[in-house]
Amino acid sequence: MTVLDRAHFDRMTGADRALQAEVVGLFRAQAEGWTAACDGGDGWRAAVHTMKGSARGIGLTALAAACEAAETAPETEIVAALAAVRAALNDALAALEQFAAEAA
């Protein structure tokens, strides 16, 4: 599964590099809070849901899929599902870093 669908990101931002840089910055800032929430506290469901929407919006397909899987995971699989979300988030952040470096 694609980590970052660049064509989708271009469509959603009109391929505007300044806007893309702003979106990447906002996503990075939000990721800090999501990471903490995914440690299994009470707010993890809301964080995962918000992350899923943000990820879908900019083409982070693997992260969105991991979030959706966590939202629907049985109670006995939540720890593993949240670990998968954290791993997908790390991959997404790395892909965004690479994108930002290439766009600079």
N, C-alpha and C. Protein backbone atom coordinates (compact mmCIF):
# COMPACT_ATOMS: atom_id res chain seq x y z
N MET A 1 0.85 -1.18 0.00
CA MET A 1 0.00 0.00 0.00
C MET A 1 0.89 1.24 0.00
N THR A 2 0.47 2.24 -0.71
CA THR A 2 1.22 3.48 -0.84
C THR A 2 1.21 4.26 0.47
N VAL A 3 2.39 4.74 0.85
CA VAL A 3 2.47 5.56 2.05
C VAL A 3 1.91 6.95 1.74
N LEU A 4 2.42 7.59 0.67
CA LEU A 4 1.94 8.91 0.26
C LEU A 4 1.58 8.88 -1.20
N ASP A 5 0.32 9.10 -1.50
CA ASP A 5 -0.17 9.20 -2.88
C ASP A 5 0.05 10.64 -3.32
N ARG A 6 1.17 10.87 -3.99
CA ARG A 6 1.55 12.23 -4.37
C ARG A 6 0.56 12.87 -5.35
N ALA A 7 0.00 12.07 -6.23
CA ALA A 7 -0.97 12.60 -7.18
C ALA A 7 -2.20 13.12 -6.43
N HIS A 8 -2.64 12.38 -5.42
CA HIS A 8 -3.78 12.81 -4.60
C HIS A 8 -3.44 14.11 -3.85
N PHE A 9 -2.25 14.15 -3.27
CA PHE A 9 -1.81 15.34 -2.55
C PHE A 9 -1.77 16.54 -3.49
N ASP A 10 -1.27 16.34 -4.69
CA ASP A 10 -1.25 17.43 -5.68
C ASP A 10 -2.67 17.90 -6.02
N ARG A 11 -3.58 16.94 -6.21
CA ARG A 11 -4.97 17.31 -6.54
C ARG A 11 -5.61 18.09 -5.40
N MET A 12 -5.38 17.65 -4.17
CA MET A 12 -6.02 18.29 -3.03
C MET A 12 -5.46 19.68 -2.73
N THR A 13 -4.24 19.94 -3.18
CA THR A 13 -3.60 21.23 -2.91
C THR A 13 -3.41 22.07 -4.17
N GLY A 14 -3.92 21.58 -5.28
CA GLY A 14 -3.71 22.30 -6.53
C GLY A 14 -2.24 22.35 -6.92
N ALA A 15 -1.45 21.41 -6.41
CA ALA A 15 -0.01 21.34 -6.64
C ALA A 15 0.71 22.62 -6.22
N ASP A 16 0.10 23.35 -5.32
CA ASP A 16 0.69 24.59 -4.80
C ASP A 16 1.73 24.22 -3.74
N ARG A 17 2.99 24.43 -4.05
CA ARG A 17 4.08 24.00 -3.16
C ARG A 17 4.04 24.71 -1.81
N ALA A 18 3.67 25.98 -1.81
CA ALA A 18 3.59 26.71 -0.53
C ALA A 18 2.48 26.12 0.34
N LEU A 19 1.34 25.82 -0.27
CA LEU A 19 0.24 25.21 0.46
C LEU A 19 0.63 23.82 0.95
N GLN A 20 1.31 23.05 0.11
CA GLN A 20 1.74 21.72 0.52
C GLN A 20 2.69 21.80 1.72
N ALA A 21 3.60 22.75 1.70
CA ALA A 21 4.52 22.91 2.82
C ALA A 21 3.75 23.25 4.10
N GLU A 22 2.74 24.09 3.97
CA GLU A 22 1.92 24.44 5.13
C GLU A 22 1.16 23.23 5.66
N VAL A 23 0.59 22.44 4.76
CA VAL A 23 -0.16 21.25 5.15
C VAL A 23 0.76 20.24 5.83
N VAL A 24 1.95 20.06 5.28
CA VAL A 24 2.92 19.14 5.89
C VAL A 24 3.26 19.61 7.30
N GLY A 25 3.48 20.90 7.47
CA GLY A 25 3.78 21.45 8.79
C GLY A 25 2.65 21.24 9.78
N LEU A 26 1.44 21.46 9.33
CA LEU A 26 0.28 21.25 10.20
C LEU A 26 0.14 19.78 10.59
N PHE A 27 0.35 18.92 9.62
CA PHE A 27 0.24 17.49 9.90
C PHE A 27 1.28 17.07 10.92
N ARG A 28 2.51 17.53 10.73
CA ARG A 28 3.59 17.20 11.69
C ARG A 28 3.22 17.67 13.09
N ALA A 29 2.71 18.88 13.20
CA ALA A 29 2.35 19.43 14.51
C ALA A 29 1.24 18.60 15.17
N GLN A 30 0.26 18.21 14.40
CA GLN A 30 -0.83 17.39 14.94
C GLN A 30 -0.35 16.00 15.33
N ALA A 31 0.64 15.49 14.62
CA ALA A 31 1.13 14.14 14.86
C ALA A 31 1.68 13.99 16.27
N GLU A 32 2.23 15.04 16.83
CA GLU A 32 2.75 14.95 18.20
C GLU A 32 1.64 14.59 19.18
N GLY A 33 0.50 15.23 19.06
CA GLY A 33 -0.63 14.93 19.94
C GLY A 33 -1.21 13.56 19.67
N TRP A 34 -1.26 13.18 18.40
CA TRP A 34 -1.80 11.87 18.07
C TRP A 34 -0.94 10.76 18.63
N THR A 35 0.37 10.95 18.57
CA THR A 35 1.27 9.92 19.09
C THR A 35 1.01 9.68 20.56
N ALA A 36 0.88 10.75 21.31
CA ALA A 36 0.60 10.61 22.75
C ALA A 36 -0.74 9.91 22.98
N ALA A 37 -1.74 10.28 22.20
CA ALA A 37 -3.08 9.69 22.37
C ALA A 37 -3.08 8.21 22.02
N CYS A 38 -2.21 7.80 21.11
CA CYS A 38 -2.18 6.40 20.69
C CYS A 38 -1.44 5.51 21.66
N ASP A 39 -1.02 6.06 22.77
CA ASP A 39 -0.40 5.23 23.80
C ASP A 39 -1.47 4.48 24.59
N GLY A 40 -2.73 4.62 24.19
CA GLY A 40 -3.79 3.82 24.77
C GLY A 40 -4.64 4.53 25.80
N GLY A 41 -4.45 5.82 25.97
CA GLY A 41 -5.28 6.56 26.92
C GLY A 41 -6.71 6.67 26.43
N ASP A 42 -7.53 7.35 27.20
CA ASP A 42 -8.95 7.47 26.87
C ASP A 42 -9.22 8.14 25.53
N GLY A 43 -8.35 9.00 25.07
CA GLY A 43 -8.62 9.75 23.85
C GLY A 43 -8.14 9.11 22.58
N TRP A 44 -7.72 7.86 22.63
CA TRP A 44 -7.13 7.27 21.43
C TRP A 44 -8.12 7.15 20.28
N ARG A 45 -9.37 6.82 20.58
CA ARG A 45 -10.34 6.65 19.49
C ARG A 45 -10.56 7.95 18.72
N ALA A 46 -10.72 9.04 19.43
CA ALA A 46 -10.91 10.34 18.78
C ALA A 46 -9.66 10.73 17.98
N ALA A 47 -8.50 10.48 18.56
CA ALA A 47 -7.25 10.81 17.87
C ALA A 47 -7.10 10.00 16.59
N VAL A 48 -7.38 8.72 16.66
CA VAL A 48 -7.26 7.84 15.49
C VAL A 48 -8.26 8.25 14.42
N HIS A 49 -9.46 8.61 14.83
CA HIS A 49 -10.48 9.04 13.87
C HIS A 49 -10.05 10.33 13.17
N THR A 50 -9.56 11.28 13.93
CA THR A 50 -9.09 12.55 13.36
C THR A 50 -7.90 12.31 12.44
N MET A 51 -6.98 11.48 12.88
CA MET A 51 -5.80 11.17 12.08
C MET A 51 -6.21 10.52 10.75
N LYS A 52 -7.20 9.63 10.81
CA LYS A 52 -7.67 8.96 9.59
C LYS A 52 -8.16 9.98 8.57
N GLY A 53 -8.96 10.93 9.03
CA GLY A 53 -9.47 11.94 8.11
C GLY A 53 -8.38 12.82 7.53
N SER A 54 -7.45 13.23 8.38
CA SER A 54 -6.33 14.04 7.91
C SER A 54 -5.47 13.27 6.91
N ALA A 55 -5.22 12.01 7.23
CA ALA A 55 -4.40 11.18 6.35
C ALA A 55 -5.08 10.99 4.99
N ARG A 56 -6.35 10.71 5.00
CA ARG A 56 -7.08 10.55 3.74
C ARG A 56 -7.05 11.82 2.91
N GLY A 57 -7.18 12.94 3.59
CA GLY A 57 -7.23 14.22 2.89
C GLY A 57 -5.98 14.53 2.10
N ILE A 58 -4.83 14.07 2.57
CA ILE A 58 -3.60 14.41 1.86
C ILE A 58 -2.94 13.21 1.18
N GLY A 59 -3.60 12.08 1.19
CA GLY A 59 -3.10 10.94 0.43
C GLY A 59 -2.18 10.00 1.19
N LEU A 60 -2.25 10.01 2.51
CA LEU A 60 -1.47 9.07 3.32
C LEU A 60 -2.32 7.80 3.50
N THR A 61 -2.37 7.00 2.45
CA THR A 61 -3.32 5.90 2.37
C THR A 61 -3.04 4.79 3.38
N ALA A 62 -1.78 4.45 3.59
CA ALA A 62 -1.46 3.37 4.54
C ALA A 62 -1.82 3.78 5.97
N LEU A 63 -1.57 5.03 6.30
CA LEU A 63 -1.93 5.51 7.63
C LEU A 63 -3.44 5.51 7.82
N ALA A 64 -4.16 5.98 6.82
CA ALA A 64 -5.63 5.98 6.91
C ALA A 64 -6.16 4.57 7.10
N ALA A 65 -5.58 3.62 6.39
CA ALA A 65 -6.03 2.22 6.52
C ALA A 65 -5.72 1.67 7.91
N ALA A 66 -4.56 2.00 8.44
CA ALA A 66 -4.21 1.53 9.79
C ALA A 66 -5.16 2.13 10.82
N CYS A 67 -5.50 3.39 10.65
CA CYS A 67 -6.44 4.04 11.57
C CYS A 67 -7.81 3.39 11.50
N GLU A 68 -8.26 3.13 10.29
CA GLU A 68 -9.57 2.49 10.14
C GLU A 68 -9.57 1.10 10.78
N ALA A 69 -8.48 0.37 10.61
CA ALA A 69 -8.39 -0.96 11.22
C ALA A 69 -8.42 -0.85 12.75
N ALA A 70 -7.77 0.16 13.30
CA ALA A 70 -7.78 0.34 14.76
C ALA A 70 -9.18 0.69 15.25
N GLU A 71 -9.88 1.52 14.49
CA GLU A 71 -11.23 1.92 14.90
C GLU A 71 -12.17 0.73 14.98
N THR A 72 -11.96 -0.25 14.14
CA THR A 72 -12.87 -1.39 14.07
C THR A 72 -12.30 -2.64 14.73
N ALA A 73 -11.14 -2.52 15.33
CA ALA A 73 -10.49 -3.70 15.94
C ALA A 73 -11.27 -4.17 17.16
N PRO A 74 -11.33 -5.48 17.35
CA PRO A 74 -11.92 -6.01 18.58
C PRO A 74 -11.07 -5.57 19.78
N GLU A 75 -11.68 -5.50 20.92
CA GLU A 75 -11.01 -5.04 22.13
C GLU A 75 -9.70 -5.79 22.38
N THR A 76 -9.67 -7.06 22.06
CA THR A 76 -8.47 -7.88 22.32
C THR A 76 -7.32 -7.55 21.38
N GLU A 77 -7.59 -6.80 20.32
CA GLU A 77 -6.55 -6.50 19.33
C GLU A 77 -6.17 -5.02 19.30
N ILE A 78 -6.68 -4.23 20.22
CA ILE A 78 -6.44 -2.79 20.19
C ILE A 78 -4.98 -2.44 20.40
N VAL A 79 -4.31 -3.10 21.29
CA VAL A 79 -2.89 -2.79 21.53
C VAL A 79 -2.09 -2.98 20.24
N ALA A 80 -2.30 -4.09 19.56
CA ALA A 80 -1.59 -4.35 18.30
C ALA A 80 -2.02 -3.36 17.22
N ALA A 81 -3.29 -3.03 17.18
CA ALA A 81 -3.78 -2.08 16.17
C ALA A 81 -3.17 -0.69 16.38
N LEU A 82 -3.05 -0.28 17.64
CA LEU A 82 -2.44 1.03 17.92
C LEU A 82 -0.95 1.02 17.61
N ALA A 83 -0.30 -0.09 17.81
CA ALA A 83 1.11 -0.21 17.42
C ALA A 83 1.24 -0.07 15.91
N ALA A 84 0.31 -0.66 15.17
CA ALA A 84 0.32 -0.54 13.71
C ALA A 84 0.07 0.91 13.28
N VAL A 85 -0.80 1.61 14.00
CA VAL A 85 -1.05 3.02 13.70
C VAL A 85 0.22 3.83 13.94
N ARG A 86 0.89 3.60 15.05
CA ARG A 86 2.13 4.34 15.34
C ARG A 86 3.18 4.08 14.27
N ALA A 87 3.32 2.84 13.83
CA ALA A 87 4.29 2.50 12.78
C ALA A 87 3.91 3.19 11.46
N ALA A 88 2.62 3.16 11.13
CA ALA A 88 2.17 3.82 9.90
C ALA A 88 2.35 5.33 9.98
N LEU A 89 2.15 5.90 11.15
CA LEU A 89 2.36 7.34 11.34
C LEU A 89 3.84 7.68 11.16
N ASN A 90 4.72 6.85 11.70
CA ASN A 90 6.16 7.08 11.50
C ASN A 90 6.53 7.02 10.02
N ASP A 91 5.97 6.04 9.31
CA ASP A 91 6.21 5.93 7.86
C ASP A 91 5.67 7.16 7.13
N ALA A 92 4.49 7.62 7.54
CA ALA A 92 3.88 8.79 6.90
C ALA A 92 4.73 10.03 7.13
N LEU A 93 5.20 10.20 8.34
CA LEU A 93 6.05 11.36 8.62
C LEU A 93 7.35 11.31 7.83
N ALA A 94 7.91 10.12 7.68
CA ALA A 94 9.13 9.97 6.87
C ALA A 94 8.85 10.30 5.41
N ALA A 95 7.71 9.86 4.90
CA ALA A 95 7.34 10.15 3.51
C ALA A 95 7.12 11.66 3.32
N LEU A 96 6.52 12.30 4.29
CA LEU A 96 6.31 13.74 4.19
C LEU A 96 7.64 14.49 4.27
N GLU A 97 8.56 14.01 5.08
CA GLU A 97 9.90 14.60 5.15
C GLU A 97 10.58 14.51 3.79
N GLN A 98 10.50 13.34 3.18
CA GLN A 98 11.10 13.13 1.86
C GLN A 98 10.43 14.04 0.83
N PHE A 99 9.13 14.12 0.88
CA PHE A 99 8.40 14.99 -0.04
C PHE A 99 8.85 16.43 0.11
N ALA A 100 8.94 16.89 1.37
CA ALA A 100 9.34 18.28 1.63
C ALA A 100 10.76 18.53 1.13
N ALA A 101 11.65 17.58 1.33
CA ALA A 101 13.03 17.74 0.88
C ALA A 101 13.11 17.82 -0.64
N GLU A 102 12.32 17.01 -1.32
CA GLU A 102 12.31 17.02 -2.78
C GLU A 102 11.68 18.29 -3.34
N ALA A 103 10.71 18.82 -2.62
CA ALA A 103 9.99 20.02 -3.09
C ALA A 103 10.80 21.29 -2.85
N ALA A 104 11.79 21.21 -1.96
CA ALA A 104 12.58 22.41 -1.62
C ALA A 104 13.55 22.79 -2.70
